[in-house]
Amino acid sequence: MQELTTLIEQYIVKEKLPMAYLDDALKWFNPLCDSIQLHQNKSNHLQAAKSSPYFIGVNGCQGSGKSTLSGLMSHLFNQYYGKKSIVLSLDDFYYTKAERVNLAQTVHPLLATRGVPGTHDTKLISAVFHSLAQGNATNIPTFDKSIDDRAAIDKWQKVGSPVDIVIMEGWCWGTQAQENDALPQAVNEFESKYDHDGTWRQYVNSALATTYAPLYAYMSCWVFLKAPSFDAVYAWRREQEEKLKLRVGNASHIMSDAEILTFIQYYQRLTEHTLYTLGNYADFIFELDKERNITKSRHNAK
């Protein structure tokens, strides 16, 4: 236990997290990693040939702590369980700025803004997943939010040898498409004003159904950090922007509070849809309060 505690403390220091995170990690996330480790070992045992990596999907709205959790899981898998793991972020697979401008001109102006399904390069995700599944050397893209564009290829993450575990995290990763009859009614003033005929949300929903859902088949396990409501997203997103400002300075693409209020409305429809639905089929669900404290968890055994 002391070795585990020390490893978690190292991660906390590295990520500049409050030391209170140690309690959550020991109480909630170490058992999570134990369960996944056992399931992966069982999966490998049932296969005669060397298995492909064990893919884990992590979902949580902006600011929920999904990136922090994914990093912790990878740290523990690498250092405590003796597995080679990597973390991928859906955010790193956004289309380039030029590609989103083209979508804005040919489909709907709102697609110039990164974030929703339909603004990620799902062909690139598929290629990366396939390469990792085959145990090949793989280049993982990086997206630079401070310039709102994909980073140069020399800044991409390079994976040179086969990995045991791949963790993929994203705010809408695992989200299923809505029923068509849920689309006509706008969910906020933003949709009423800028997507009055529903073209944007229909495109987003179609992307989920046709290009994202097939990629979910790679996942062996789903982890869901469930926010108390959409209302928590503004405060959490504001914290993220403050951290980004500290890291990169006052770059032109750091959002103001007013811009954050507008920006999160892009996400409201699918965030609320995810809160209502993902808990029904995720393997591990952690329910959060507005301060991001975990209030309870459950495991949907399959």
Protein backbone atom coordinates (compact mmCIF):
# COMPACT_ATOMS: atom_id res chain seq x y z
CA MET A 1 0.00 0.00 0.00
CA GLN A 2 2.87 2.39 0.76
CA GLU A 3 4.27 1.92 -2.74
CA LEU A 4 0.86 2.71 -4.22
CA THR A 5 0.44 5.78 -2.02
CA THR A 6 3.88 7.06 -3.00
CA LEU A 7 3.12 6.63 -6.70
CA ILE A 8 -0.14 8.55 -6.37
CA GLU A 9 1.59 11.32 -4.42
CA GLN A 10 4.18 11.59 -7.20
CA TYR A 11 1.38 12.03 -9.73
CA ILE A 12 -0.33 14.65 -7.56
CA VAL A 13 2.88 16.69 -7.33
CA LYS A 14 3.57 16.36 -11.06
CA GLU A 15 0.05 17.50 -12.00
CA LYS A 16 -0.11 20.17 -9.25
CA LEU A 17 -3.25 18.63 -7.76
CA PRO A 18 -4.53 19.19 -4.23
CA MET A 19 -3.29 16.52 -1.83
CA ALA A 20 -6.94 15.69 -1.08
CA TYR A 21 -6.92 13.91 -4.44
CA LEU A 22 -4.96 11.13 -2.74
CA ASP A 23 -8.03 10.08 -0.76
CA ASP A 24 -10.19 9.84 -3.89
CA ALA A 25 -7.49 7.93 -5.73
CA LEU A 26 -7.15 5.36 -2.96
CA LYS A 27 -10.87 5.04 -2.25
CA TRP A 28 -12.27 5.07 -5.78
CA PHE A 29 -9.66 4.86 -8.51
CA ASN A 30 -7.27 2.21 -7.20
CA PRO A 31 -10.17 -0.30 -7.00
CA LEU A 32 -11.13 0.79 -10.52
CA CYS A 33 -7.64 -0.02 -11.82
CA ASP A 34 -7.67 -3.32 -9.91
CA SER A 35 -10.93 -4.32 -11.58
CA ILE A 36 -9.71 -3.35 -15.04
CA GLN A 37 -6.42 -5.17 -14.49
CA LEU A 38 -8.26 -8.36 -13.51
CA HIS A 39 -10.56 -8.09 -16.51
CA GLN A 40 -7.65 -7.51 -18.87
CA ASN A 41 -5.72 -10.48 -17.49
CA LYS A 42 -8.80 -12.67 -17.89
CA SER A 43 -9.28 -11.43 -21.44
CA ASN A 44 -5.66 -12.19 -22.32
CA HIS A 45 -5.87 -15.64 -20.71
CA LEU A 46 -8.81 -16.56 -22.93
CA GLN A 47 -6.84 -15.79 -26.08
CA ALA A 48 -4.14 -18.15 -27.30
CA ALA A 49 -2.29 -15.55 -29.35
CA LYS A 50 -0.98 -12.29 -27.98
CA SER A 51 -3.95 -10.00 -27.63
CA SER A 52 -4.27 -6.48 -28.97
CA PRO A 53 -4.24 -3.62 -26.46
CA TYR A 54 -7.06 -3.31 -23.95
CA PHE A 55 -8.94 -0.13 -24.87
CA ILE A 56 -10.62 1.92 -22.12
CA GLY A 57 -13.05 4.75 -22.89
CA VAL A 58 -13.36 7.59 -20.37
CA ASN A 59 -16.25 10.05 -20.58
CA GLY A 60 -16.88 13.20 -18.58
CA CYS A 61 -18.03 16.72 -19.40
CA GLN A 62 -15.59 19.62 -19.57
CA GLY A 63 -13.78 20.10 -16.28
CA SER A 64 -15.04 16.87 -14.71
CA GLY A 65 -11.54 15.51 -14.16
CA LYS A 66 -11.52 12.90 -16.94
CA SER A 67 -8.06 13.91 -18.18
CA THR A 68 -6.69 13.82 -14.64
CA LEU A 69 -8.23 10.40 -14.03
CA SER A 70 -6.96 9.07 -17.34
CA GLY A 71 -3.46 10.26 -16.52
CA LEU A 72 -3.60 8.66 -13.07
CA MET A 73 -4.80 5.36 -14.48
CA SER A 74 -1.98 5.33 -17.01
CA HIS A 75 0.55 6.25 -14.31
CA LEU A 76 -0.59 3.37 -12.11
CA PHE A 77 -0.81 0.86 -14.94
CA ASN A 78 2.75 1.75 -15.96
CA GLN A 79 4.38 2.04 -12.55
CA TYR A 80 2.34 -0.24 -10.27
CA TYR A 81 0.85 -2.94 -12.48
CA GLY A 82 3.75 -3.31 -14.90
CA LYS A 83 1.71 -2.56 -18.00
CA LYS A 84 2.62 -0.21 -20.82
CA SER A 85 -0.25 2.23 -21.27
CA ILE A 86 -0.90 5.47 -23.12
CA VAL A 87 -3.59 8.14 -22.94
CA LEU A 88 -5.27 9.55 -26.03
CA SER A 89 -7.55 12.58 -25.94
CA LEU A 90 -10.43 13.10 -28.34
CA ASP A 91 -9.46 16.79 -28.27
CA ASP A 92 -6.22 15.98 -30.10
CA PHE A 93 -8.17 14.67 -33.07
CA TYR A 94 -9.97 17.88 -34.00
CA TYR A 95 -9.93 18.78 -37.65
CA THR A 96 -7.45 21.50 -38.54
CA LYS A 97 -8.68 25.08 -38.59
CA ALA A 98 -8.73 25.03 -42.40
CA GLU A 99 -10.80 21.85 -42.47
CA ARG A 100 -13.32 23.32 -40.02
CA VAL A 101 -13.55 26.50 -42.08
CA ASN A 102 -14.41 24.32 -45.06
CA LEU A 103 -17.12 22.54 -43.05
CA ALA A 104 -18.47 25.93 -42.00
CA GLN A 105 -18.70 27.01 -45.62
CA THR A 106 -20.16 23.80 -47.01
CA VAL A 107 -22.37 22.48 -44.17
CA HIS A 108 -23.05 25.01 -41.39
CA PRO A 109 -21.16 28.04 -39.98
CA LEU A 110 -21.17 26.61 -36.43
CA LEU A 111 -18.85 23.81 -37.52
CA ALA A 112 -15.97 26.30 -37.60
CA THR A 113 -15.93 25.96 -33.80
CA ARG A 114 -14.20 22.86 -32.48
CA GLY A 115 -15.92 20.63 -29.99
CA VAL A 116 -19.00 18.79 -31.17
CA PRO A 117 -19.08 15.47 -33.02
CA GLY A 118 -18.42 16.17 -36.66
CA THR A 119 -15.42 18.39 -35.86
CA HIS A 120 -13.08 15.46 -35.12
CA ASP A 121 -11.10 13.57 -37.75
CA THR A 122 -12.64 10.14 -37.18
CA LYS A 123 -10.64 8.64 -40.06
CA LEU A 124 -7.48 9.65 -38.21
CA ILE A 125 -8.84 8.14 -34.98
CA SER A 126 -9.59 4.91 -36.82
CA ALA A 127 -6.10 4.82 -38.34
CA VAL A 128 -4.46 5.38 -34.94
CA PHE A 129 -6.62 2.73 -33.25
CA HIS A 130 -5.88 0.23 -36.00
CA SER A 131 -2.15 0.88 -35.84
CA LEU A 132 -2.08 0.50 -32.05
CA ALA A 133 -4.21 -2.64 -32.23
CA GLN A 134 -1.67 -4.14 -34.65
CA GLY A 135 1.22 -3.27 -32.32
CA ASN A 136 2.79 -0.92 -34.84
CA ALA A 137 4.80 2.24 -34.21
CA THR A 138 2.21 5.02 -34.18
CA ASN A 139 2.19 8.81 -34.31
CA ILE A 140 -0.52 10.39 -32.15
CA PRO A 141 -1.68 13.89 -33.17
CA THR A 142 -1.57 16.86 -30.82
CA PHE A 143 -3.99 19.79 -30.97
CA ASP A 144 -2.82 23.19 -29.73
CA LYS A 145 -5.87 24.93 -28.26
CA SER A 146 -3.98 28.18 -27.78
CA ILE A 147 -3.83 28.58 -31.58
CA ASP A 148 -7.01 26.57 -32.29
CA ASP A 149 -5.19 24.28 -34.71
CA ARG A 150 -3.43 20.95 -34.96
CA ALA A 151 0.20 21.06 -33.91
CA ALA A 152 3.02 20.41 -36.35
CA ILE A 153 3.79 16.73 -36.81
CA ASP A 154 7.13 17.03 -35.00
CA LYS A 155 5.13 17.82 -31.84
CA TRP A 156 3.02 14.65 -32.11
CA GLN A 157 3.31 11.85 -29.55
CA LYS A 158 5.36 8.95 -30.88
CA VAL A 159 4.59 5.41 -29.69
CA GLY A 160 7.38 3.13 -30.80
CA SER A 161 6.48 -0.25 -29.35
CA PRO A 162 3.31 -2.25 -28.64
CA VAL A 163 1.23 -1.13 -25.67
CA ASP A 164 -0.92 -3.15 -23.27
CA ILE A 165 -3.57 -0.54 -22.49
CA VAL A 166 -4.94 2.40 -24.48
CA ILE A 167 -7.04 4.98 -22.61
CA MET A 168 -9.18 7.24 -24.82
CA GLU A 169 -10.87 10.17 -23.09
CA GLY A 170 -13.29 12.79 -24.33
CA TRP A 171 -16.36 14.80 -23.36
CA CYS A 172 -18.55 13.02 -25.94
CA TRP A 173 -16.54 9.83 -26.27
CA GLY A 174 -19.10 7.05 -25.85
CA THR A 175 -22.10 9.31 -26.42
CA GLN A 176 -24.74 7.71 -28.61
CA ALA A 177 -26.79 9.55 -31.22
CA GLN A 178 -30.13 10.96 -30.13
CA GLU A 179 -33.44 9.77 -31.50
CA ASN A 180 -34.49 11.88 -34.47
CA ASP A 181 -37.60 13.15 -32.69
CA ALA A 182 -35.36 14.82 -30.08
CA LEU A 183 -33.74 17.10 -32.66
CA PRO A 184 -36.42 19.60 -33.80
CA GLN A 185 -36.78 21.33 -30.42
CA ALA A 186 -33.89 23.70 -29.57
CA VAL A 187 -32.43 23.16 -26.09
CA ASN A 188 -31.20 26.73 -25.56
CA GLU A 189 -31.26 30.25 -26.98
CA PHE A 190 -28.04 29.58 -28.87
CA GLU A 191 -29.60 26.78 -30.93
CA SER A 192 -32.73 28.85 -31.54
CA LYS A 193 -30.66 31.76 -32.83
CA TYR A 194 -27.88 30.09 -34.78
CA ASP A 195 -29.39 26.72 -35.77
CA HIS A 196 -33.04 27.63 -36.23
CA ASP A 197 -33.62 25.02 -38.94
CA GLY A 198 -31.71 22.24 -37.12
CA THR A 199 -29.09 21.66 -39.84
CA TRP A 200 -26.16 21.81 -37.41
CA ARG A 201 -27.58 19.48 -34.78
CA GLN A 202 -28.77 17.01 -37.43
CA TYR A 203 -25.25 16.93 -38.90
CA VAL A 204 -23.74 16.40 -35.44
CA ASN A 205 -26.20 13.63 -34.63
CA SER A 206 -25.57 11.91 -37.95
CA ALA A 207 -21.81 12.04 -37.33
CA LEU A 208 -22.28 10.32 -33.96
CA ALA A 209 -24.32 7.54 -35.51
CA THR A 210 -22.19 6.92 -38.59
CA THR A 211 -18.55 7.74 -37.81
CA TYR A 212 -18.16 7.71 -34.00
CA ALA A 213 -20.29 4.71 -33.00
CA PRO A 214 -18.24 2.23 -35.08
CA LEU A 215 -15.09 3.34 -33.25
CA TYR A 216 -16.67 2.53 -29.88
CA ALA A 217 -16.36 -1.15 -30.78
CA TYR A 218 -12.65 -0.92 -29.97
CA MET A 219 -13.43 -0.18 -26.33
CA SER A 220 -13.38 -3.08 -23.86
CA CYS A 221 -14.43 -0.94 -20.91
CA TRP A 222 -16.17 2.40 -20.29
CA VAL A 223 -15.61 4.75 -17.32
CA PHE A 224 -18.06 7.61 -16.77
CA LEU A 225 -17.51 10.65 -14.53
CA LYS A 226 -21.10 11.85 -14.15
CA ALA A 227 -21.57 15.55 -13.41
CA PRO A 228 -24.52 16.59 -11.19
CA SER A 229 -26.02 18.61 -14.04
CA PHE A 230 -25.08 20.78 -16.99
CA ASP A 231 -25.03 23.82 -14.66
CA ALA A 232 -21.66 22.67 -13.27
CA VAL A 233 -20.02 22.92 -16.68
CA TYR A 234 -19.61 26.71 -16.74
CA ALA A 235 -17.66 26.85 -13.47
CA TRP A 236 -15.52 23.89 -14.43
CA ARG A 237 -14.81 25.24 -17.91
CA ARG A 238 -13.83 28.60 -16.44
CA GLU A 239 -11.25 26.84 -14.26
CA GLN A 240 -9.82 25.15 -17.35
CA GLU A 241 -9.38 28.45 -19.17
CA GLU A 242 -7.63 29.99 -16.15
CA LYS A 243 -5.19 27.07 -16.09
CA LEU A 244 -4.59 27.42 -19.83
CA LYS A 245 -3.92 31.14 -19.38
CA LEU A 246 -1.34 30.41 -16.68
CA ARG A 247 0.36 27.88 -18.94
CA VAL A 248 0.51 29.81 -22.23
CA GLY A 249 -0.03 33.43 -21.21
CA ASN A 250 -2.67 35.78 -22.60
CA ALA A 251 -2.81 34.21 -26.06
CA SER A 252 -5.55 35.41 -28.37
CA HIS A 253 -7.55 32.20 -28.15
CA ILE A 254 -7.97 32.10 -24.36
CA MET A 255 -11.70 32.61 -23.79
CA SER A 256 -13.29 35.34 -21.68
CA ASP A 257 -16.13 34.55 -19.25
CA ALA A 258 -18.70 35.77 -21.78
CA GLU A 259 -17.17 33.60 -24.49
CA ILE A 260 -17.26 30.60 -22.16
CA LEU A 261 -20.99 31.14 -21.56
CA THR A 262 -21.58 31.07 -25.30
CA PHE A 263 -19.12 28.25 -25.94
CA ILE A 264 -20.67 25.78 -23.50
CA GLN A 265 -24.05 26.12 -25.19
CA TYR A 266 -22.54 24.23 -28.11
CA TYR A 267 -22.23 21.27 -25.73
CA GLN A 268 -25.48 21.48 -23.77
CA ARG A 269 -27.59 19.16 -25.91
CA LEU A 270 -25.19 16.23 -25.93
CA THR A 271 -23.90 16.78 -22.40
CA GLU A 272 -27.43 16.49 -21.02
CA HIS A 273 -28.17 13.55 -23.32
CA THR A 274 -25.03 11.81 -22.05
CA LEU A 275 -25.94 12.45 -18.41
CA TYR A 276 -29.29 10.77 -19.01
CA THR A 277 -28.05 7.79 -21.01
CA LEU A 278 -24.40 6.80 -20.58
CA GLY A 279 -24.88 5.48 -17.05
CA ASN A 280 -27.07 2.74 -18.50
CA TYR A 281 -24.22 1.05 -20.33
CA ALA A 282 -20.91 2.35 -18.93
CA ASP A 283 -19.02 -0.23 -16.87
CA PHE A 284 -17.92 2.09 -14.07
CA ILE A 285 -19.89 5.19 -13.08
CA PHE A 286 -18.67 7.80 -10.59
CA GLU A 287 -21.26 10.40 -9.58
CA LEU A 288 -19.87 13.88 -8.81
CA ASP A 289 -21.20 16.84 -6.86
CA LYS A 290 -20.70 20.44 -8.00
CA GLU A 291 -17.28 20.52 -6.29
CA ARG A 292 -16.25 17.40 -8.22
CA ASN A 293 -16.32 15.25 -5.11
CA ILE A 294 -17.38 11.68 -5.80
CA THR A 295 -20.59 10.94 -3.92
CA LYS A 296 -21.04 7.33 -5.02
CA SER A 297 -20.02 4.81 -7.64
CA ARG A 298 -21.46 1.74 -9.26
CA HIS A 299 -20.28 -1.04 -11.53
CA ASN A 300 -22.51 -2.37 -14.28
CA ALA A 301 -21.34 -5.97 -14.51
CA LYS A 302 -21.56 -7.46 -17.99
